[in-house]
Amino acid sequence: MKGLVIVKLGGGLIAPKDWEMGRADEGLIEKLASEIRESGKRVVVISGSGNFGHAAVKKYGIDTAMGVSRVQRIAQKIGEIVTQKLIDVEQPGVLVAPHDIWPEGKFVMRDGMVPVFYGDVVWEEGKAVIYSGELCIEKLLPVVGRVERIVQAGCEDGVWDENKRIIPEINEKNWDEMKRSVSGSAGVDYTGGMLHKVVKSLEFAKKFGIKTMILNGKVEGRLKEAIGGKSVFGTVVG
């Protein structure tokens, strides 16, 4: 079986956190869906939450069953939008709710389908836990077969250094030097922003031998080229 690419569409990219809760950039999502199709690769898509899940957590909390219910429902809506946009461009998207399969269950890839996961709230050991897109990736890596690469599309060109230049590569050797340049996230974010992305990406590289490309999803064609394995402007982590 051919290898696949895990594609994360950042929440701040597809549902900007400074927009009202529950509003997605549907035109941009459709463009990204088209680039996924044009890449010709097998993919698993992870949708960030943006102003859906993060704003819902801030408004309702996850310390009560009612709060968890509201957050789960709002978080699922961004996954539904991404799935529909894939279908609109003739990609067989299928929405998968993390809270339905984890932590106890596992996911099985179906030939020909494009699974869409999203940031969610999952009951784990009797308490509600936020499952970021990165945690979804971590759960998927051991069970989806051979993964060629991970591509994270966000609003930035990559990871900035202290001089406002894009760091071309971050790895175990230079991380101690580079990490002082990496901050969290602007706006409401319960999953740690860029720092969280880089730390988890380093973990994926160490544990699974898979590198992550962090790039700007707004730039025409960049996501498509990265999915296809071409060198693009951004930051390689791993």
C-alpha atoms as a PDB file:
ATOM      1  CA  MET A   1       0.000   0.000   0.000  1.00  0.00           C
ATOM      2  CA  LYS A   2       1.232   3.485  -0.863  1.00  0.00           C
ATOM      3  CA  GLY A   3       2.293   5.784   1.933  1.00  0.00           C
ATOM      4  CA  LEU A   4       0.043   8.596   3.028  1.00  0.00           C
ATOM      5  CA  VAL A   5       0.384  12.175   4.177  1.00  0.00           C
ATOM      6  CA  ILE A   6      -1.226  13.573   7.309  1.00  0.00           C
ATOM      7  CA  VAL A   7      -2.431  17.117   6.621  1.00  0.00           C
ATOM      8  CA  LYS A   8      -3.293  19.476   9.479  1.00  0.00           C
ATOM      9  CA  LEU A   9      -5.287  22.571   8.553  1.00  0.00           C
ATOM     10  CA  GLY A  10      -4.594  25.018  11.348  1.00  0.00           C
ATOM     11  CA  GLY A  11      -7.580  26.432  13.185  1.00  0.00           C
ATOM     12  CA  GLY A  12      -6.229  29.968  12.981  1.00  0.00           C
ATOM     13  CA  LEU A  13      -6.004  29.521   9.208  1.00  0.00           C
ATOM     14  CA  ILE A  14      -9.453  28.141   8.424  1.00  0.00           C
ATOM     15  CA  ALA A  15     -11.433  29.752  11.288  1.00  0.00           C
ATOM     16  CA  PRO A  16      -9.476  32.804  12.521  1.00  0.00           C
ATOM     17  CA  LYS A  17      -9.599  33.170  16.276  1.00  0.00           C
ATOM     18  CA  ASP A  18     -10.430  36.880  16.082  1.00  0.00           C
ATOM     19  CA  TRP A  19     -13.612  36.107  14.124  1.00  0.00           C
ATOM     20  CA  GLU A  20     -16.930  35.444  15.842  1.00  0.00           C
ATOM     21  CA  MET A  21     -17.437  31.933  17.207  1.00  0.00           C
ATOM     22  CA  GLY A  22     -18.608  29.431  14.597  1.00  0.00           C
ATOM     23  CA  ARG A  23     -17.472  31.283  11.465  1.00  0.00           C
ATOM     24  CA  ALA A  24     -15.131  29.555   9.013  1.00  0.00           C
ATOM     25  CA  ASP A  25     -13.248  30.870   5.988  1.00  0.00           C
ATOM     26  CA  GLU A  26     -15.115  28.586   3.612  1.00  0.00           C
ATOM     27  CA  GLY A  27     -13.537  29.992   0.472  1.00  0.00           C
ATOM     28  CA  LEU A  28     -10.050  29.254   1.771  1.00  0.00           C
ATOM     29  CA  ILE A  29     -11.097  25.791   2.955  1.00  0.00           C
ATOM     30  CA  GLU A  30     -12.377  25.001  -0.535  1.00  0.00           C
ATOM     31  CA  LYS A  31      -9.053  26.166  -2.027  1.00  0.00           C
ATOM     32  CA  LEU A  32      -7.146  23.928   0.395  1.00  0.00           C
ATOM     33  CA  ALA A  33      -9.467  21.011  -0.389  1.00  0.00           C
ATOM     34  CA  SER A  34      -8.729  21.495  -4.081  1.00  0.00           C
ATOM     35  CA  GLU A  35      -4.984  21.464  -3.403  1.00  0.00           C
ATOM     36  CA  ILE A  36      -5.367  18.231  -1.444  1.00  0.00           C
ATOM     37  CA  ARG A  37      -7.180  16.698  -4.416  1.00  0.00           C
ATOM     38  CA  GLU A  38      -4.635  18.003  -6.925  1.00  0.00           C
ATOM     39  CA  SER A  39      -1.730  16.537  -4.939  1.00  0.00           C
ATOM     40  CA  GLY A  40      -2.897  13.054  -5.913  1.00  0.00           C
ATOM     41  CA  LYS A  41      -1.763  11.632  -2.557  1.00  0.00           C
ATOM     42  CA  ARG A  42      -3.554   9.501   0.015  1.00  0.00           C
ATOM     43  CA  VAL A  43      -4.229  11.785   2.940  1.00  0.00           C
ATOM     44  CA  VAL A  44      -5.711  11.973   6.392  1.00  0.00           C
ATOM     45  CA  VAL A  45      -6.957  15.473   7.218  1.00  0.00           C
ATOM     46  CA  ILE A  46      -6.914  17.000  10.684  1.00  0.00           C
ATOM     47  CA  SER A  47      -8.954  20.172  11.145  1.00  0.00           C
ATOM     48  CA  GLY A  48      -7.924  22.692  13.760  1.00  0.00           C
ATOM     49  CA  SER A  49     -10.641  24.306  15.873  1.00  0.00           C
ATOM     50  CA  GLY A  50      -9.958  28.014  15.511  1.00  0.00           C
ATOM     51  CA  ASN A  51     -12.884  30.106  16.710  1.00  0.00           C
ATOM     52  CA  PHE A  52     -15.059  26.997  16.997  1.00  0.00           C
ATOM     53  CA  GLY A  53     -13.598  24.757  19.712  1.00  0.00           C
ATOM     54  CA  HIS A  54     -11.278  27.231  21.436  1.00  0.00           C
ATOM     55  CA  ALA A  55     -13.954  29.895  21.815  1.00  0.00           C
ATOM     56  CA  ALA A  56     -16.443  27.260  22.973  1.00  0.00           C
ATOM     57  CA  VAL A  57     -14.078  26.037  25.691  1.00  0.00           C
ATOM     58  CA  LYS A  58     -13.654  29.619  26.884  1.00  0.00           C
ATOM     59  CA  LYS A  59     -17.423  30.220  26.889  1.00  0.00           C
ATOM     60  CA  TYR A  60     -18.730  26.915  28.282  1.00  0.00           C
ATOM     61  CA  GLY A  61     -15.763  25.174  29.924  1.00  0.00           C
ATOM     62  CA  ILE A  62     -15.332  21.416  30.088  1.00  0.00           C
ATOM     63  CA  ASP A  63     -15.828  20.876  33.799  1.00  0.00           C
ATOM     64  CA  THR A  64     -19.488  19.862  33.452  1.00  0.00           C
ATOM     65  CA  ALA A  65     -21.260  17.352  31.208  1.00  0.00           C
ATOM     66  CA  MET A  66     -23.330  20.170  29.691  1.00  0.00           C
ATOM     67  CA  GLY A  67     -20.205  22.175  28.921  1.00  0.00           C
ATOM     68  CA  VAL A  68     -18.530  19.176  27.279  1.00  0.00           C
ATOM     69  CA  SER A  69     -21.648  18.508  25.218  1.00  0.00           C
ATOM     70  CA  ARG A  70     -21.765  22.080  23.931  1.00  0.00           C
ATOM     71  CA  VAL A  71     -18.038  22.187  23.156  1.00  0.00           C
ATOM     72  CA  GLN A  72     -18.115  18.833  21.354  1.00  0.00           C
ATOM     73  CA  ARG A  73     -20.999  19.933  19.166  1.00  0.00           C
ATOM     74  CA  ILE A  74     -19.435  23.272  18.207  1.00  0.00           C
ATOM     75  CA  ALA A  75     -16.019  21.667  17.616  1.00  0.00           C
ATOM     76  CA  GLN A  76     -17.595  19.093  15.319  1.00  0.00           C
ATOM     77  CA  LYS A  77     -19.050  21.800  13.073  1.00  0.00           C
ATOM     78  CA  ILE A  78     -15.646  22.859  11.709  1.00  0.00           C
ATOM     79  CA  GLY A  79     -14.924  19.202  10.902  1.00  0.00           C
ATOM     80  CA  GLU A  80     -18.244  19.022   9.074  1.00  0.00           C
ATOM     81  CA  ILE A  81     -17.377  22.081   6.990  1.00  0.00           C
ATOM     82  CA  VAL A  82     -13.956  20.701   5.999  1.00  0.00           C
ATOM     83  CA  THR A  83     -15.509  17.334   5.122  1.00  0.00           C
ATOM     84  CA  GLN A  84     -18.186  18.957   2.961  1.00  0.00           C
ATOM     85  CA  LYS A  85     -15.620  21.080   1.118  1.00  0.00           C
ATOM     86  CA  LEU A  86     -13.645  17.929   0.296  1.00  0.00           C
ATOM     87  CA  ILE A  87     -16.811  16.294  -1.028  1.00  0.00           C
ATOM     88  CA  ASP A  88     -17.566  19.437  -3.054  1.00  0.00           C
ATOM     89  CA  VAL A  89     -14.255  18.996  -4.922  1.00  0.00           C
ATOM     90  CA  GLU A  90     -14.864  15.281  -5.508  1.00  0.00           C
ATOM     91  CA  GLN A  91     -12.821  13.951  -2.602  1.00  0.00           C
ATOM     92  CA  PRO A  92     -14.482  11.195  -0.527  1.00  0.00           C
ATOM     93  CA  GLY A  93     -14.262  12.925   2.826  1.00  0.00           C
ATOM     94  CA  VAL A  94     -15.632  11.124   5.861  1.00  0.00           C
ATOM     95  CA  LEU A  95     -15.918  12.818   9.247  1.00  0.00           C
ATOM     96  CA  VAL A  96     -14.496  10.931  12.240  1.00  0.00           C
ATOM     97  CA  ALA A  97     -15.320  12.178  15.752  1.00  0.00           C
ATOM     98  CA  PRO A  98     -12.323  11.651  18.070  1.00  0.00           C
ATOM     99  CA  HIS A  99     -14.640  11.331  21.081  1.00  0.00           C
ATOM    100  CA  ASP A 100     -16.311   8.329  19.423  1.00  0.00           C
ATOM    101  CA  ILE A 101     -13.127   6.258  19.067  1.00  0.00           C
ATOM    102  CA  TRP A 102     -10.605   7.414  21.701  1.00  0.00           C
ATOM    103  CA  PRO A 103      -9.037   6.773  24.113  1.00  0.00           C
ATOM    104  CA  GLU A 104     -10.120   3.110  24.222  1.00  0.00           C
ATOM    105  CA  GLY A 105     -10.791   2.472  20.550  1.00  0.00           C
ATOM    106  CA  LYS A 106      -8.661   2.636  17.443  1.00  0.00           C
ATOM    107  CA  PHE A 107      -9.092   3.840  13.901  1.00  0.00           C
ATOM    108  CA  VAL A 108      -8.962   1.686  10.763  1.00  0.00           C
ATOM    109  CA  MET A 109      -8.155   3.267   7.382  1.00  0.00           C
ATOM    110  CA  ARG A 110     -10.648   2.513   4.627  1.00  0.00           C
ATOM    111  CA  ASP A 111      -9.280   2.337   1.084  1.00  0.00           C
ATOM    112  CA  GLY A 112     -10.225   5.306  -1.054  1.00  0.00           C
ATOM    113  CA  MET A 113     -11.633   7.429   1.778  1.00  0.00           C
ATOM    114  CA  VAL A 114     -10.282  10.728   3.107  1.00  0.00           C
ATOM    115  CA  PRO A 115     -10.819  10.691   6.883  1.00  0.00           C
ATOM    116  CA  VAL A 116     -11.298  14.080   8.549  1.00  0.00           C
ATOM    117  CA  PHE A 117     -10.515  14.450  12.253  1.00  0.00           C
ATOM    118  CA  TYR A 118     -10.756  17.641  14.296  1.00  0.00           C
ATOM    119  CA  GLY A 119      -9.807  19.050  17.692  1.00  0.00           C
ATOM    120  CA  ASP A 120     -12.255  17.624  20.207  1.00  0.00           C
ATOM    121  CA  VAL A 121     -13.031  16.912  23.871  1.00  0.00           C
ATOM    122  CA  VAL A 122     -12.659  13.270  24.884  1.00  0.00           C
ATOM    123  CA  TRP A 123     -13.629  11.516  28.109  1.00  0.00           C
ATOM    124  CA  GLU A 124     -10.437   9.958  29.439  1.00  0.00           C
ATOM    125  CA  GLU A 125     -10.218   8.217  32.827  1.00  0.00           C
ATOM    126  CA  GLY A 126     -13.393   9.889  33.991  1.00  0.00           C
ATOM    127  CA  LYS A 127     -12.495  13.449  33.024  1.00  0.00           C
ATOM    128  CA  ALA A 128     -12.808  15.614  29.948  1.00  0.00           C
ATOM    129  CA  VAL A 129      -9.553  16.101  28.028  1.00  0.00           C
ATOM    130  CA  ILE A 130      -8.905  18.412  25.098  1.00  0.00           C
ATOM    131  CA  TYR A 131      -7.613  16.437  22.112  1.00  0.00           C
ATOM    132  CA  SER A 132      -5.641  18.868  19.976  1.00  0.00           C
ATOM    133  CA  GLY A 133      -4.959  18.197  16.324  1.00  0.00           C
ATOM    134  CA  GLU A 134      -1.454  17.159  17.331  1.00  0.00           C
ATOM    135  CA  LEU A 135      -2.798  14.619  19.811  1.00  0.00           C
ATOM    136  CA  CYS A 136      -5.021  13.206  17.061  1.00  0.00           C
ATOM    137  CA  ILE A 137      -1.920  12.845  14.893  1.00  0.00           C
ATOM    138  CA  GLU A 138      -0.106  11.082  17.721  1.00  0.00           C
ATOM    139  CA  LYS A 139      -2.973   8.608  18.061  1.00  0.00           C
ATOM    140  CA  LEU A 140      -3.086   7.966  14.314  1.00  0.00           C
ATOM    141  CA  LEU A 141       0.600   7.470  13.540  1.00  0.00           C
ATOM    142  CA  PRO A 142       0.838   3.911  14.919  1.00  0.00           C
ATOM    143  CA  VAL A 143      -2.327   2.657  13.205  1.00  0.00           C
ATOM    144  CA  VAL A 144      -2.712   4.178   9.715  1.00  0.00           C
ATOM    145  CA  GLY A 145       0.169   2.448   7.961  1.00  0.00           C
ATOM    146  CA  ARG A 146       3.194   4.085   6.376  1.00  0.00           C
ATOM    147  CA  VAL A 147       3.149   7.853   6.752  1.00  0.00           C
ATOM    148  CA  GLU A 148       5.475   9.705   4.393  1.00  0.00           C
ATOM    149  CA  ARG A 149       5.255  13.095   6.029  1.00  0.00           C
ATOM    150  CA  ILE A 150       3.108  15.433   8.097  1.00  0.00           C
ATOM    151  CA  VAL A 151       2.151  18.817   6.666  1.00  0.00           C
ATOM    152  CA  GLN A 152       0.889  21.582   8.935  1.00  0.00           C
ATOM    153  CA  ALA A 153      -0.727  24.496   7.092  1.00  0.00           C
ATOM    154  CA  GLY A 154      -1.163  27.655   9.114  1.00  0.00           C
ATOM    155  CA  CYS A 155      -1.235  31.442   8.786  1.00  0.00           C
ATOM    156  CA  GLU A 156       2.530  31.894   9.032  1.00  0.00           C
ATOM    157  CA  ASP A 157       5.267  31.035   6.541  1.00  0.00           C
ATOM    158  CA  GLY A 158       6.829  28.739   9.150  1.00  0.00           C
ATOM    159  CA  VAL A 159       8.535  29.196  12.523  1.00  0.00           C
ATOM    160  CA  TRP A 160      10.054  32.635  13.072  1.00  0.00           C
ATOM    161  CA  ASP A 161      13.379  33.258  14.796  1.00  0.00           C
ATOM    162  CA  GLU A 162      14.152  36.255  17.025  1.00  0.00           C
ATOM    163  CA  ASN A 163      15.095  38.317  13.973  1.00  0.00           C
ATOM    164  CA  LYS A 164      11.762  37.658  12.241  1.00  0.00           C
ATOM    165  CA  ARG A 165      13.271  35.244   9.760  1.00  0.00           C
ATOM    166  CA  ILE A 166      11.846  31.820   9.008  1.00  0.00           C
ATOM    167  CA  ILE A 167      13.854  28.985  10.532  1.00  0.00           C
ATOM    168  CA  PRO A 168      14.365  26.483   7.682  1.00  0.00           C
ATOM    169  CA  GLU A 169      14.846  23.446   9.938  1.00  0.00           C
ATOM    170  CA  ILE A 170      14.380  22.558  13.596  1.00  0.00           C
ATOM    171  CA  ASN A 171      15.766  19.313  14.962  1.00  0.00           C
ATOM    172  CA  GLU A 172      17.075  17.832  18.200  1.00  0.00           C
ATOM    173  CA  LYS A 173      20.502  19.335  17.584  1.00  0.00           C
ATOM    174  CA  ASN A 174      19.386  22.961  17.301  1.00  0.00           C
ATOM    175  CA  TRP A 175      16.182  22.938  19.362  1.00  0.00           C
ATOM    176  CA  ASP A 176      17.806  24.192  22.583  1.00  0.00           C
ATOM    177  CA  GLU A 177      19.048  27.215  20.664  1.00  0.00           C
ATOM    178  CA  MET A 178      15.862  27.784  18.694  1.00  0.00           C
ATOM    179  CA  LYS A 179      13.180  27.262  21.317  1.00  0.00           C
ATOM    180  CA  ARG A 180      13.593  30.683  22.874  1.00  0.00           C
ATOM    181  CA  SER A 181      12.325  32.086  19.562  1.00  0.00           C
ATOM    182  CA  VAL A 182       9.170  29.969  19.514  1.00  0.00           C
ATOM    183  CA  SER A 183       6.133  31.298  21.338  1.00  0.00           C
ATOM    184  CA  GLY A 184       2.635  30.044  21.941  1.00  0.00           C
ATOM    185  CA  SER A 185      -0.380  31.393  20.063  1.00  0.00           C
ATOM    186  CA  ALA A 186      -1.989  34.765  19.594  1.00  0.00           C
ATOM    187  CA  GLY A 187      -5.632  34.842  20.632  1.00  0.00           C
ATOM    188  CA  VAL A 188      -7.582  32.210  22.524  1.00  0.00           C
ATOM    189  CA  ASP A 189      -5.817  28.854  22.229  1.00  0.00           C
ATOM    190  CA  TYR A 190      -6.125  25.954  24.664  1.00  0.00           C
ATOM    191  CA  THR A 191      -3.601  23.723  22.893  1.00  0.00           C
ATOM    192  CA  GLY A 192      -0.403  25.760  22.976  1.00  0.00           C
ATOM    193  CA  GLY A 193      -0.040  27.266  19.504  1.00  0.00           C
ATOM    194  CA  MET A 194       3.264  27.117  17.611  1.00  0.00           C
ATOM    195  CA  LEU A 195       5.312  25.934  20.577  1.00  0.00           C
ATOM    196  CA  HIS A 196       3.018  22.944  20.991  1.00  0.00           C
ATOM    197  CA  LYS A 197       3.250  22.169  17.256  1.00  0.00           C
ATOM    198  CA  VAL A 198       7.044  22.179  17.274  1.00  0.00           C
ATOM    199  CA  VAL A 199       7.411  20.134  20.466  1.00  0.00           C
ATOM    200  CA  LYS A 200       4.978  17.482  19.250  1.00  0.00           C
ATOM    201  CA  SER A 201       6.588  17.428  15.793  1.00  0.00           C
ATOM    202  CA  LEU A 202       9.974  16.752  17.371  1.00  0.00           C
ATOM    203  CA  GLU A 203       8.381  13.901  19.318  1.00  0.00           C
ATOM    204  CA  PHE A 204       6.901  12.440  16.108  1.00  0.00           C
ATOM    205  CA  ALA A 205      10.307  12.567  14.438  1.00  0.00           C
ATOM    206  CA  LYS A 206      12.028  10.887  17.380  1.00  0.00           C
ATOM    207  CA  LYS A 207       9.411   8.181  17.915  1.00  0.00           C
ATOM    208  CA  PHE A 208       8.254   7.475  14.368  1.00  0.00           C
ATOM    209  CA  GLY A 209      10.987   8.911  12.138  1.00  0.00           C
ATOM    210  CA  ILE A 210       8.493  11.220  10.394  1.00  0.00           C
ATOM    211  CA  LYS A 211       9.218  14.870   9.630  1.00  0.00           C
ATOM    212  CA  THR A 212       6.712  17.707   9.727  1.00  0.00           C
ATOM    213  CA  MET A 213       6.522  20.622   7.294  1.00  0.00           C
ATOM    214  CA  ILE A 214       5.065  23.838   8.738  1.00  0.00           C
ATOM    215  CA  LEU A 215       3.967  26.268   6.012  1.00  0.00           C
ATOM    216  CA  ASN A 216       1.620  29.069   5.030  1.00  0.00           C
ATOM    217  CA  GLY A 217      -1.637  27.629   3.723  1.00  0.00           C
ATOM    218  CA  LYS A 218      -2.710  30.955   2.217  1.00  0.00           C
ATOM    219  CA  VAL A 219       0.019  30.871  -0.435  1.00  0.00           C
ATOM    220  CA  GLU A 220      -1.375  29.414  -3.643  1.00  0.00           C
ATOM    221  CA  GLY A 221      -0.098  25.919  -4.405  1.00  0.00           C
ATOM    222  CA  ARG A 222       2.175  25.593  -1.393  1.00  0.00           C
ATOM    223  CA  LEU A 223       0.076  22.976   0.387  1.00  0.00           C
ATOM    224  CA  LYS A 224      -0.294  20.901  -2.785  1.00  0.00           C
ATOM    225  CA  GLU A 225       3.457  20.918  -3.430  1.00  0.00           C
ATOM    226  CA  ALA A 226       4.316  20.010   0.164  1.00  0.00           C
ATOM    227  CA  ILE A 227       1.842  17.116   0.207  1.00  0.00           C
ATOM    228  CA  GLY A 228       3.456  15.870  -2.997  1.00  0.00           C
ATOM    229  CA  GLY A 229       6.899  15.924  -1.399  1.00  0.00           C
ATOM    230  CA  LYS A 230       8.294  18.995  -3.142  1.00  0.00           C
ATOM    231  CA  SER A 231      10.543  21.443  -1.299  1.00  0.00           C
ATOM    232  CA  VAL A 232       8.606  24.570  -0.304  1.00  0.00           C
ATOM    233  CA  PHE A 233       9.261  27.643   1.792  1.00  0.00           C
ATOM    234  CA  GLY A 234       8.599  26.935   5.460  1.00  0.00           C
ATOM    235  CA  THR A 235      10.063  25.095   8.440  1.00  0.00           C
ATOM    236  CA  VAL A 236      10.909  21.392   8.477  1.00  0.00           C
ATOM    237  CA  VAL A 237      10.761  19.890  11.961  1.00  0.00           C
ATOM    238  CA  GLY A 238      12.428  16.587  12.704  1.00  0.00           C
END
